């Protein structure tokens, strides 16, 4: 299950040794609403192997600035503390799943 990431819990969440997927979105964003159920489903499928967090750009402005988010949805993939991939915009489930698989590879 994806964690709701905020400025307050980010440091604790990011301390995990698992690969991380950060989904930056906004409640008013149509493509974000299309992507959200895909990210949630994959977060359950990969539970225990990948840490997944959803981040509302309006509630977590510090994180939004830290990661230079200018468009939503933006999904960032982090492994060993480094950004290894990212995409902007909505994607199909198969495209997102391929990114999750690559993060584990």
PDB file of N, CA and C in Angstrom:
ATOM      1  N   UNK A   1       0.842  -1.185   0.000  1.00  0.00           N
ATOM      2  CA  UNK A   1       0.000   0.000   0.000  1.00  0.00           C
ATOM      3  C   UNK A   1       0.887   1.249   0.000  1.00  0.00           C
ATOM      4  N   UNK A   2       0.540   2.189  -0.813  1.00  0.00           N
ATOM      5  CA  UNK A   2       1.329   3.411  -0.921  1.00  0.00           C
ATOM      6  C   UNK A   2       1.140   4.288   0.315  1.00  0.00           C
ATOM      7  N   UNK A   3       2.221   4.875   0.756  1.00  0.00           N
ATOM      8  CA  UNK A   3       2.228   5.795   1.895  1.00  0.00           C
ATOM      9  C   UNK A   3       1.910   7.194   1.379  1.00  0.00           C
ATOM     10  N   UNK A   4       1.161   7.969   2.150  1.00  0.00           N
ATOM     11  CA  UNK A   4       0.961   9.381   1.817  1.00  0.00           C
ATOM     12  C   UNK A   4       2.146  10.147   2.381  1.00  0.00           C
ATOM     13  N   UNK A   5       2.992  10.623   1.498  1.00  0.00           N
ATOM     14  CA  UNK A   5       4.225  11.292   1.898  1.00  0.00           C
ATOM     15  C   UNK A   5       3.969  12.770   2.154  1.00  0.00           C
ATOM     16  N   UNK A   6       4.488  13.246   3.267  1.00  0.00           N
ATOM     17  CA  UNK A   6       4.370  14.660   3.631  1.00  0.00           C
ATOM     18  C   UNK A   6       5.756  15.198   3.980  1.00  0.00           C
ATOM     19  N   UNK A   7       5.830  16.488   4.182  1.00  0.00           N
ATOM     20  CA  UNK A   7       7.088  17.081   4.626  1.00  0.00           C
ATOM     21  C   UNK A   7       7.530  16.464   5.951  1.00  0.00           C
ATOM     22  N   UNK A   8       6.553  16.089   6.794  1.00  0.00           N
ATOM     23  CA  UNK A   8       6.844  15.588   8.137  1.00  0.00           C
ATOM     24  C   UNK A   8       7.346  14.147   8.163  1.00  0.00           C
ATOM     25  N   UNK A   9       6.851  13.280   7.283  1.00  0.00           N
ATOM     26  CA  UNK A   9       7.243  11.874   7.356  1.00  0.00           C
ATOM     27  C   UNK A   9       8.252  11.468   6.267  1.00  0.00           C
ATOM     28  N   UNK A  10       8.667  12.400   5.446  1.00  0.00           N
ATOM     29  CA  UNK A  10       9.538  12.090   4.309  1.00  0.00           C
ATOM     30  C   UNK A  10      10.886  11.523   4.740  1.00  0.00           C
ATOM     31  N   UNK A  11      11.503  12.120   5.724  1.00  0.00           N
ATOM     32  CA  UNK A  11      12.838  11.681   6.129  1.00  0.00           C
ATOM     33  C   UNK A  11      12.800  10.230   6.605  1.00  0.00           C
ATOM     34  N   UNK A  12      11.806   9.892   7.393  1.00  0.00           N
ATOM     35  CA  UNK A  12      11.659   8.531   7.900  1.00  0.00           C
ATOM     36  C   UNK A  12      11.395   7.550   6.748  1.00  0.00           C
ATOM     37  N   UNK A  13      10.494   7.928   5.840  1.00  0.00           N
ATOM     38  CA  UNK A  13      10.170   7.062   4.703  1.00  0.00           C
ATOM     39  C   UNK A  13      11.384   6.835   3.812  1.00  0.00           C
ATOM     40  N   UNK A  14      12.122   7.886   3.523  1.00  0.00           N
ATOM     41  CA  UNK A  14      13.262   7.809   2.605  1.00  0.00           C
ATOM     42  C   UNK A  14      14.434   7.014   3.192  1.00  0.00           C
ATOM     43  N   UNK A  15      14.395   6.714   4.497  1.00  0.00           N
ATOM     44  CA  UNK A  15      15.472   5.968   5.151  1.00  0.00           C
ATOM     45  C   UNK A  15      15.408   4.469   4.843  1.00  0.00           C
ATOM     46  N   UNK A  16      14.381   4.024   4.154  1.00  0.00           N
ATOM     47  CA  UNK A  16      14.250   2.604   3.827  1.00  0.00           C
ATOM     48  C   UNK A  16      15.393   2.127   2.938  1.00  0.00           C
ATOM     49  N   UNK A  17      15.695   0.843   3.042  1.00  0.00           N
ATOM     50  CA  UNK A  17      16.724   0.262   2.169  1.00  0.00           C
ATOM     51  C   UNK A  17      16.119  -0.263   0.872  1.00  0.00           C
ATOM     52  N   UNK A  18      14.797  -0.266   0.787  1.00  0.00           N
ATOM     53  CA  UNK A  18      14.119  -0.724  -0.425  1.00  0.00           C
ATOM     54  C   UNK A  18      14.231   0.326  -1.531  1.00  0.00           C
ATOM     55  N   UNK A  19      14.139  -0.091  -2.787  1.00  0.00           N
ATOM     56  CA  UNK A  19      13.990   0.896  -3.865  1.00  0.00           C
ATOM     57  C   UNK A  19      12.699   1.689  -3.608  1.00  0.00           C
ATOM     58  N   UNK A  20      12.651   2.918  -4.091  1.00  0.00           N
ATOM     59  CA  UNK A  20      11.532   3.825  -3.792  1.00  0.00           C
ATOM     60  C   UNK A  20      10.899   4.328  -5.078  1.00  0.00           C
ATOM     61  N   UNK A  21       9.567   4.414  -5.055  1.00  0.00           N
ATOM     62  CA  UNK A  21       8.809   5.060  -6.119  1.00  0.00           C
ATOM     63  C   UNK A  21       8.030   6.202  -5.488  1.00  0.00           C
ATOM     64  N   UNK A  22       8.246   7.418  -5.988  1.00  0.00           N
ATOM     65  CA  UNK A  22       7.527   8.596  -5.513  1.00  0.00           C
ATOM     66  C   UNK A  22       6.586   9.082  -6.613  1.00  0.00           C
ATOM     67  N   UNK A  23       5.298   9.143  -6.292  1.00  0.00           N
ATOM     68  CA  UNK A  23       4.278   9.604  -7.234  1.00  0.00           C
ATOM     69  C   UNK A  23       3.826  10.997  -6.805  1.00  0.00           C
ATOM     70  N   UNK A  24       4.291  12.012  -7.524  1.00  0.00           N
ATOM     71  CA  UNK A  24       3.895  13.388  -7.247  1.00  0.00           C
ATOM     72  C   UNK A  24       2.649  13.710  -8.053  1.00  0.00           C
ATOM     73  N   UNK A  25       1.599  14.189  -7.362  1.00  0.00           N
ATOM     74  CA  UNK A  25       0.326  14.444  -8.034  1.00  0.00           C
ATOM     75  C   UNK A  25      -0.406  15.597  -7.358  1.00  0.00           C
ATOM     76  N   UNK A  26      -1.587  15.891  -7.886  1.00  0.00           N
ATOM     77  CA  UNK A  26      -2.458  16.922  -7.309  1.00  0.00           C
ATOM     78  C   UNK A  26      -3.903  16.460  -7.459  1.00  0.00           C
ATOM     79  N   UNK A  27      -4.747  16.870  -6.530  1.00  0.00           N
ATOM     80  CA  UNK A  27      -6.148  16.432  -6.539  1.00  0.00           C
ATOM     81  C   UNK A  27      -6.898  16.940  -7.764  1.00  0.00           C
ATOM     82  N   UNK A  28      -6.490  18.067  -8.333  1.00  0.00           N
ATOM     83  CA  UNK A  28      -7.181  18.677  -9.470  1.00  0.00           C
ATOM     84  C   UNK A  28      -6.686  18.158 -10.817  1.00  0.00           C
ATOM     85  N   UNK A  29      -5.736  17.256 -10.815  1.00  0.00           N
ATOM     86  CA  UNK A  29      -5.051  16.807 -12.038  1.00  0.00           C
ATOM     87  C   UNK A  29      -5.722  15.559 -12.609  1.00  0.00           C
ATOM     88  N   UNK A  30      -6.276  15.675 -13.826  1.00  0.00           N
ATOM     89  CA  UNK A  30      -6.924  14.552 -14.491  1.00  0.00           C
ATOM     90  C   UNK A  30      -6.001  13.358 -14.737  1.00  0.00           C
ATOM     91  N   UNK A  31      -4.831  13.570 -15.362  1.00  0.00           N
ATOM     92  CA  UNK A  31      -3.914  12.453 -15.581  1.00  0.00           C
ATOM     93  C   UNK A  31      -3.460  11.795 -14.264  1.00  0.00           C
ATOM     94  N   UNK A  32      -3.369  12.582 -13.195  1.00  0.00           N
ATOM     95  CA  UNK A  32      -3.006  12.021 -11.886  1.00  0.00           C
ATOM     96  C   UNK A  32      -4.068  11.030 -11.425  1.00  0.00           C
ATOM     97  N   UNK A  33      -5.331  11.391 -11.663  1.00  0.00           N
ATOM     98  CA  UNK A  33      -6.437  10.512 -11.262  1.00  0.00           C
ATOM     99  C   UNK A  33      -6.430   9.218 -12.074  1.00  0.00           C
ATOM    100  N   UNK A  34      -5.970   9.277 -13.316  1.00  0.00           N
ATOM    101  CA  UNK A  34      -5.856   8.073 -14.143  1.00  0.00           C
ATOM    102  C   UNK A  34      -4.723   7.182 -13.654  1.00  0.00           C
ATOM    103  N   UNK A  35      -3.624   7.788 -13.235  1.00  0.00           N
ATOM    104  CA  UNK A  35      -2.438   7.050 -12.820  1.00  0.00           C
ATOM    105  C   UNK A  35      -2.563   6.491 -11.404  1.00  0.00           C
ATOM    106  N   UNK A  36      -3.284   7.159 -10.533  1.00  0.00           N
ATOM    107  CA  UNK A  36      -3.361   6.793  -9.119  1.00  0.00           C
ATOM    108  C   UNK A  36      -3.739   5.329  -8.867  1.00  0.00           C
ATOM    109  N   UNK A  37      -4.794   4.803  -9.499  1.00  0.00           N
ATOM    110  CA  UNK A  37      -5.129   3.404  -9.210  1.00  0.00           C
ATOM    111  C   UNK A  37      -4.062   2.412  -9.691  1.00  0.00           C
ATOM    112  N   UNK A  38      -3.341   2.764 -10.742  1.00  0.00           N
ATOM    113  CA  UNK A  38      -2.262   1.912 -11.239  1.00  0.00           C
ATOM    114  C   UNK A  38      -1.135   1.857 -10.212  1.00  0.00           C
ATOM    115  N   UNK A  39      -0.751   3.034  -9.712  1.00  0.00           N
ATOM    116  CA  UNK A  39       0.323   3.099  -8.709  1.00  0.00           C
ATOM    117  C   UNK A  39      -0.095   2.345  -7.448  1.00  0.00           C
ATOM    118  N   UNK A  40      -1.337   2.517  -7.022  1.00  0.00           N
ATOM    119  CA  UNK A  40      -1.827   1.842  -5.815  1.00  0.00           C
ATOM    120  C   UNK A  40      -1.803   0.325  -5.996  1.00  0.00           C
ATOM    121  N   UNK A  41      -2.279  -0.142  -7.137  1.00  0.00           N
ATOM    122  CA  UNK A  41      -2.299  -1.583  -7.405  1.00  0.00           C
ATOM    123  C   UNK A  41      -0.884  -2.158  -7.415  1.00  0.00           C
ATOM    124  N   UNK A  42       0.040  -1.463  -8.074  1.00  0.00           N
ATOM    125  CA  UNK A  42       1.421  -1.936  -8.123  1.00  0.00           C
ATOM    126  C   UNK A  42       2.097  -1.851  -6.760  1.00  0.00           C
ATOM    127  N   UNK A  43       1.716  -0.864  -5.944  1.00  0.00           N
ATOM    128  CA  UNK A  43       2.304  -0.766  -4.605  1.00  0.00           C
ATOM    129  C   UNK A  43       1.942  -1.995  -3.779  1.00  0.00           C
ATOM    130  N   UNK A  44       0.745  -2.522  -3.984  1.00  0.00           N
ATOM    131  CA  UNK A  44       0.336  -3.739  -3.279  1.00  0.00           C
ATOM    132  C   UNK A  44       1.037  -4.967  -3.854  1.00  0.00           C
ATOM    133  N   UNK A  45       1.140  -5.011  -5.174  1.00  0.00           N
ATOM    134  CA  UNK A  45       1.789  -6.141  -5.845  1.00  0.00           C
ATOM    135  C   UNK A  45       3.267  -6.256  -5.469  1.00  0.00           C
ATOM    136  N   UNK A  46       3.934  -5.119  -5.292  1.00  0.00           N
ATOM    137  CA  UNK A  46       5.373  -5.104  -5.000  1.00  0.00           C
ATOM    138  C   UNK A  46       5.667  -4.836  -3.523  1.00  0.00           C
ATOM    139  N   UNK A  47       4.666  -4.949  -2.674  1.00  0.00           N
ATOM    140  CA  UNK A  47       4.843  -4.681  -1.246  1.00  0.00           C
ATOM    141  C   UNK A  47       5.963  -5.552  -0.682  1.00  0.00           C
ATOM    142  N   UNK A  48       6.821  -4.920   0.106  1.00  0.00           N
ATOM    143  CA  UNK A  48       7.952  -5.630   0.683  1.00  0.00           C
ATOM    144  C   UNK A  48       9.181  -5.640  -0.209  1.00  0.00           C
ATOM    145  N   UNK A  49       8.999  -5.248  -1.486  1.00  0.00           N
ATOM    146  CA  UNK A  49      10.129  -5.212  -2.419  1.00  0.00           C
ATOM    147  C   UNK A  49      10.436  -3.791  -2.885  1.00  0.00           C
ATOM    148  N   UNK A  50       9.392  -2.945  -2.971  1.00  0.00           N
ATOM    149  CA  UNK A  50       9.538  -1.542  -3.362  1.00  0.00           C
ATOM    150  C   UNK A  50       8.684  -0.699  -2.428  1.00  0.00           C
ATOM    151  N   UNK A  51       9.252   0.384  -1.913  1.00  0.00           N
ATOM    152  CA  UNK A  51       8.502   1.325  -1.073  1.00  0.00           C
ATOM    153  C   UNK A  51       7.872   2.372  -1.993  1.00  0.00           C
ATOM    154  N   UNK A  52       6.556   2.509  -1.912  1.00  0.00           N
ATOM    155  CA  UNK A  52       5.830   3.425  -2.788  1.00  0.00           C
ATOM    156  C   UNK A  52       5.154   4.505  -1.956  1.00  0.00           C
ATOM    157  N   UNK A  53       5.274   5.748  -2.426  1.00  0.00           N
ATOM    158  CA  UNK A  53       4.643   6.863  -1.729  1.00  0.00           C
ATOM    159  C   UNK A  53       3.969   7.796  -2.720  1.00  0.00           C
ATOM    160  N   UNK A  54       2.823   8.310  -2.301  1.00  0.00           N
ATOM    161  CA  UNK A  54       2.110   9.330  -3.065  1.00  0.00           C
ATOM    162  C   UNK A  54       2.361  10.661  -2.375  1.00  0.00           C
ATOM    163  N   UNK A  55       2.622  11.671  -3.167  1.00  0.00           N
ATOM    164  CA  UNK A  55       2.944  12.977  -2.614  1.00  0.00           C
ATOM    165  C   UNK A  55       2.094  14.046  -3.298  1.00  0.00           C
ATOM    166  N   UNK A  56       1.198  14.655  -2.553  1.00  0.00           N
ATOM    167  CA  UNK A  56       0.374  15.753  -3.069  1.00  0.00           C
ATOM    168  C   UNK A  56       1.239  17.009  -3.086  1.00  0.00           C
ATOM    169  N   UNK A  57       1.446  17.568  -4.256  1.00  0.00           N
ATOM    170  CA  UNK A  57       2.368  18.700  -4.395  1.00  0.00           C
ATOM    171  C   UNK A  57       1.937  19.921  -3.594  1.00  0.00           C
ATOM    172  N   UNK A  58       0.649  20.026  -3.311  1.00  0.00           N
ATOM    173  CA  UNK A  58       0.169  21.186  -2.561  1.00  0.00           C
ATOM    174  C   UNK A  58       0.296  20.996  -1.049  1.00  0.00           C
ATOM    175  N   UNK A  59       0.436  19.747  -0.611  1.00  0.00           N
ATOM    176  CA  UNK A  59       0.578  19.471   0.817  1.00  0.00           C
ATOM    177  C   UNK A  59       2.035  19.274   1.223  1.00  0.00           C
ATOM    178  N   UNK A  60       2.875  18.946   0.271  1.00  0.00           N
ATOM    179  CA  UNK A  60       4.285  18.677   0.562  1.00  0.00           C
ATOM    180  C   UNK A  60       5.172  19.555  -0.308  1.00  0.00           C
ATOM    181  N   UNK A  61       5.053  20.849  -0.105  1.00  0.00           N
ATOM    182  CA  UNK A  61       5.777  21.796  -0.953  1.00  0.00           C
ATOM    183  C   UNK A  61       7.294  21.676  -0.826  1.00  0.00           C
ATOM    184  N   UNK A  62       7.791  21.301   0.355  1.00  0.00           N
ATOM    185  CA  UNK A  62       9.241  21.134   0.512  1.00  0.00           C
ATOM    186  C   UNK A  62       9.762  20.019  -0.395  1.00  0.00           C
ATOM    187  N   UNK A  63       9.050  18.906  -0.415  1.00  0.00           N
ATOM    188  CA  UNK A  63       9.453  17.781  -1.265  1.00  0.00           C
ATOM    189  C   UNK A  63       9.319  18.129  -2.741  1.00  0.00           C
ATOM    190  N   UNK A  64       8.264  18.841  -3.074  1.00  0.00           N
ATOM    191  CA  UNK A  64       8.035  19.264  -4.448  1.00  0.00           C
ATOM    192  C   UNK A  64       9.206  20.107  -4.939  1.00  0.00           C
ATOM    193  N   UNK A  65       9.670  21.019  -4.105  1.00  0.00           N
ATOM    194  CA  UNK A  65      10.811  21.864  -4.474  1.00  0.00           C
ATOM    195  C   UNK A  65      12.102  21.048  -4.501  1.00  0.00           C
ATOM    196  N   UNK A  66      12.286  20.174  -3.524  1.00  0.00           N
ATOM    197  CA  UNK A  66      13.505  19.367  -3.437  1.00  0.00           C
ATOM    198  C   UNK A  66      13.712  18.528  -4.693  1.00  0.00           C
ATOM    199  N   UNK A  67      12.633  17.972  -5.226  1.00  0.00           N
ATOM    200  CA  UNK A  67      12.730  17.124  -6.409  1.00  0.00           C
ATOM    201  C   UNK A  67      12.468  17.874  -7.713  1.00  0.00           C
ATOM    202  N   UNK A  68      12.278  19.184  -7.638  1.00  0.00           N
ATOM    203  CA  UNK A  68      12.130  20.007  -8.835  1.00  0.00           C
ATOM    204  C   UNK A  68      10.906  19.657  -9.661  1.00  0.00           C
ATOM    205  N   UNK A  69       9.811  19.360  -8.994  1.00  0.00           N
ATOM    206  CA  UNK A  69       8.594  18.959  -9.686  1.00  0.00           C
ATOM    207  C   UNK A  69       7.938  20.200 -10.294  1.00  0.00           C
ATOM    208  N   UNK A  70       7.747  20.162 -11.616  1.00  0.00           N
ATOM    209  CA  UNK A  70       7.110  21.285 -12.310  1.00  0.00           C
ATOM    210  C   UNK A  70       5.805  20.878 -12.982  1.00  0.00           C
ATOM    211  N   UNK A  71       5.653  19.576 -13.248  1.00  0.00           N
ATOM    212  CA  UNK A  71       4.449  19.049 -13.889  1.00  0.00           C
ATOM    213  C   UNK A  71       3.982  17.811 -13.133  1.00  0.00           C
ATOM    214  N   UNK A  72       2.683  17.576 -13.155  1.00  0.00           N
ATOM    215  CA  UNK A  72       2.133  16.383 -12.522  1.00  0.00           C
ATOM    216  C   UNK A  72       1.249  15.647 -13.519  1.00  0.00           C
ATOM    217  N   UNK A  73       1.185  14.343 -13.394  1.00  0.00           N
ATOM    218  CA  UNK A  73       1.946  13.525 -12.449  1.00  0.00           C
ATOM    219  C   UNK A  73       3.410  13.364 -12.879  1.00  0.00           C
ATOM    220  N   UNK A  74       4.263  13.315 -11.876  1.00  0.00           N
ATOM    221  CA  UNK A  74       5.663  12.964 -12.078  1.00  0.00           C
ATOM    222  C   UNK A  74       5.959  11.802 -11.148  1.00  0.00           C
ATOM    223  N   UNK A  75       6.517  10.747 -11.690  1.00  0.00           N
ATOM    224  CA  UNK A  75       6.874   9.584 -10.889  1.00  0.00           C
ATOM    225  C   UNK A  75       8.390   9.417 -10.944  1.00  0.00           C
ATOM    226  N   UNK A  76       8.994   9.352  -9.753  1.00  0.00           N
ATOM    227  CA  UNK A  76      10.444   9.252  -9.633  1.00  0.00           C
ATOM    228  C   UNK A  76      10.803   7.896  -9.039  1.00  0.00           C
ATOM    229  N   UNK A  77      11.828   7.264  -9.606  1.00  0.00           N
ATOM    230  CA  UNK A  77      12.303   5.952  -9.169  1.00  0.00           C
ATOM    231  C   UNK A  77      13.685   6.125  -8.547  1.00  0.00           C
ATOM    232  N   UNK A  78      13.843   5.675  -7.297  1.00  0.00           N
ATOM    233  CA  UNK A  78      15.078   5.874  -6.542  1.00  0.00           C
ATOM    234  C   UNK A  78      15.624   4.520  -6.095  1.00  0.00           C
ATOM    235  N   UNK A  79      16.914   4.322  -6.338  1.00  0.00           N
ATOM    236  CA  UNK A  79      17.578   3.094  -5.892  1.00  0.00           C
ATOM    237  C   UNK A  79      18.910   3.486  -5.277  1.00  0.00           C
ATOM    238  N   UNK A  80      19.201   2.943  -4.110  1.00  0.00           N
ATOM    239  CA  UNK A  80      20.444   3.253  -3.396  1.00  0.00           C
ATOM    240  C   UNK A  80      20.620   4.760  -3.204  1.00  0.00           C
ATOM    241  N   UNK A  81      19.498   5.454  -2.943  1.00  0.00           N
ATOM    242  CA  UNK A  81      19.545   6.886  -2.665  1.00  0.00           C
ATOM    243  C   UNK A  81      19.699   7.786  -3.881  1.00  0.00           C
ATOM    244  N   UNK A  82      19.703   7.200  -5.080  1.00  0.00           N
ATOM    245  CA  UNK A  82      19.884   7.987  -6.303  1.00  0.00           C
ATOM    246  C   UNK A  82      18.686   7.826  -7.233  1.00  0.00           C
ATOM    247  N   UNK A  83      18.316   8.915  -7.887  1.00  0.00           N
ATOM    248  CA  UNK A  83      17.247   8.855  -8.883  1.00  0.00           C
ATOM    249  C   UNK A  83      17.782   8.095 -10.090  1.00  0.00           C
ATOM    250  N   UNK A  84      17.099   7.004 -10.443  1.00  0.00           N
ATOM    251  CA  UNK A  84      17.553   6.187 -11.571  1.00  0.00           C
ATOM    252  C   UNK A  84      16.623   6.295 -12.784  1.00  0.00           C
ATOM    253  N   UNK A  85      15.408   6.829 -12.557  1.00  0.00           N
ATOM    254  CA  UNK A  85      14.466   6.974 -13.664  1.00  0.00           C
ATOM    255  C   UNK A  85      13.338   7.882 -13.210  1.00  0.00           C
ATOM    256  N   UNK A  86      12.610   8.430 -14.181  1.00  0.00           N
ATOM    257  CA  UNK A  86      11.400   9.188 -13.866  1.00  0.00           C
ATOM    258  C   UNK A  86      10.589   9.352 -15.136  1.00  0.00           C
ATOM    259  N   UNK A  87       9.303   9.611 -14.940  1.00  0.00           N
ATOM    260  CA  UNK A  87       8.469   9.961 -16.079  1.00  0.00           C
ATOM    261  C   UNK A  87       7.442  10.987 -15.653  1.00  0.00           C
ATOM    262  N   UNK A  88       6.988  11.757 -16.640  1.00  0.00           N
ATOM    263  CA  UNK A  88       5.986  12.798 -16.435  1.00  0.00           C
ATOM    264  C   UNK A  88       4.786  12.448 -17.298  1.00  0.00           C
ATOM    265  N   UNK A  89       3.601  12.547 -16.721  1.00  0.00           N
ATOM    266  CA  UNK A  89       2.384  12.245 -17.460  1.00  0.00           C
ATOM    267  C   UNK A  89       1.867  10.865 -17.117  1.00  0.00           C
ATOM    268  N   UNK A  90       0.703  10.574 -17.618  1.00  0.00           N
ATOM    269  CA  UNK A  90       0.083   9.283 -17.356  1.00  0.00           C
ATOM    270  C   UNK A  90       0.659   8.214 -18.269  1.00  0.00           C
ATOM    271  N   UNK A  91       0.724   7.000 -17.773  1.00  0.00           N
ATOM    272  CA  UNK A  91       1.223   5.855 -18.527  1.00  0.00           C
ATOM    273  C   UNK A  91       0.263   4.690 -18.340  1.00  0.00           C
ATOM    274  N   UNK A  92       0.380   3.698 -19.213  1.00  0.00           N
ATOM    275  CA  UNK A  92      -0.425   2.487 -19.067  1.00  0.00           C
ATOM    276  C   UNK A  92       0.143   1.644 -17.925  1.00  0.00           C
ATOM    277  N   UNK A  93      -0.667   0.712 -17.438  1.00  0.00           N
ATOM    278  CA  UNK A  93      -0.205  -0.154 -16.357  1.00  0.00           C
ATOM    279  C   UNK A  93       1.030  -0.937 -16.782  1.00  0.00           C
ATOM    280  N   UNK A  94       1.038  -1.445 -18.022  1.00  0.00           N
ATOM    281  CA  UNK A  94       2.181  -2.238 -18.476  1.00  0.00           C
ATOM    282  C   UNK A  94       3.460  -1.397 -18.521  1.00  0.00           C
ATOM    283  N   UNK A  95       3.351  -0.129 -18.901  1.00  0.00           N
ATOM    284  CA  UNK A  95       4.523   0.756 -18.930  1.00  0.00           C
ATOM    285  C   UNK A  95       5.043   1.025 -17.517  1.00  0.00           C
ATOM    286  N   UNK A  96       4.123   1.270 -16.584  1.00  0.00           N
ATOM    287  CA  UNK A  96       4.527   1.547 -15.207  1.00  0.00           C
ATOM    288  C   UNK A  96       5.108   0.281 -14.563  1.00  0.00           C
ATOM    289  N   UNK A  97       4.477  -0.849 -14.820  1.00  0.00           N
ATOM    290  CA  UNK A  97       4.968  -2.122 -14.281  1.00  0.00           C
ATOM    291  C   UNK A  97       6.377  -2.402 -14.784  1.00  0.00           C
ATOM    292  N   UNK A  98       6.656  -2.104 -16.037  1.00  0.00           N
ATOM    293  CA  UNK A  98       8.006  -2.293 -16.581  1.00  0.00           C
ATOM    294  C   UNK A  98       9.018  -1.439 -15.832  1.00  0.00           C
ATOM    295  N   UNK A  99       8.630  -0.235 -15.444  1.00  0.00           N
ATOM    296  CA  UNK A  99       9.520   0.643 -14.667  1.00  0.00           C
ATOM    297  C   UNK A  99       9.775   0.050 -13.275  1.00  0.00           C
ATOM    298  N   UNK A 100       8.714  -0.500 -12.644  1.00  0.00           N
ATOM    299  CA  UNK A 100       8.873  -1.151 -11.332  1.00  0.00           C
ATOM    300  C   UNK A 100       9.845  -2.333 -11.467  1.00  0.00           C
ATOM    301  N   UNK A 101       9.646  -3.154 -12.502  1.00  0.00           N
ATOM    302  CA  UNK A 101      10.510  -4.305 -12.715  1.00  0.00           C
ATOM    303  C   UNK A 101      11.959  -3.878 -12.930  1.00  0.00           C
ATOM    304  N   UNK A 102      12.165  -2.820 -13.706  1.00  0.00           N
ATOM    305  CA  UNK A 102      13.519  -2.329 -13.969  1.00  0.00           C
ATOM    306  C   UNK A 102      14.178  -1.838 -12.681  1.00  0.00           C
ATOM    307  N   UNK A 103      13.387  -1.281 -11.784  1.00  0.00           N
ATOM    308  CA  UNK A 103      13.926  -0.789 -10.519  1.00  0.00           C
ATOM    309  C   UNK A 103      14.469  -1.946  -9.671  1.00  0.00           C
ATOM    310  N   UNK A 104      13.869  -3.102  -9.812  1.00  0.00           N
ATOM    311  CA  UNK A 104      14.331  -4.279  -9.067  1.00  0.00           C
ATOM    312  C   UNK A 104      15.492  -4.979  -9.745  1.00  0.00           C
ATOM    313  N   UNK A 105      15.692  -4.700 -11.034  1.00  0.00           N
ATOM    314  CA  UNK A 105      16.726  -5.399 -11.814  1.00  0.00           C
ATOM    315  C   UNK A 105      18.121  -4.939 -11.541  1.00  0.00           C
TER     316      UNK A 105
END
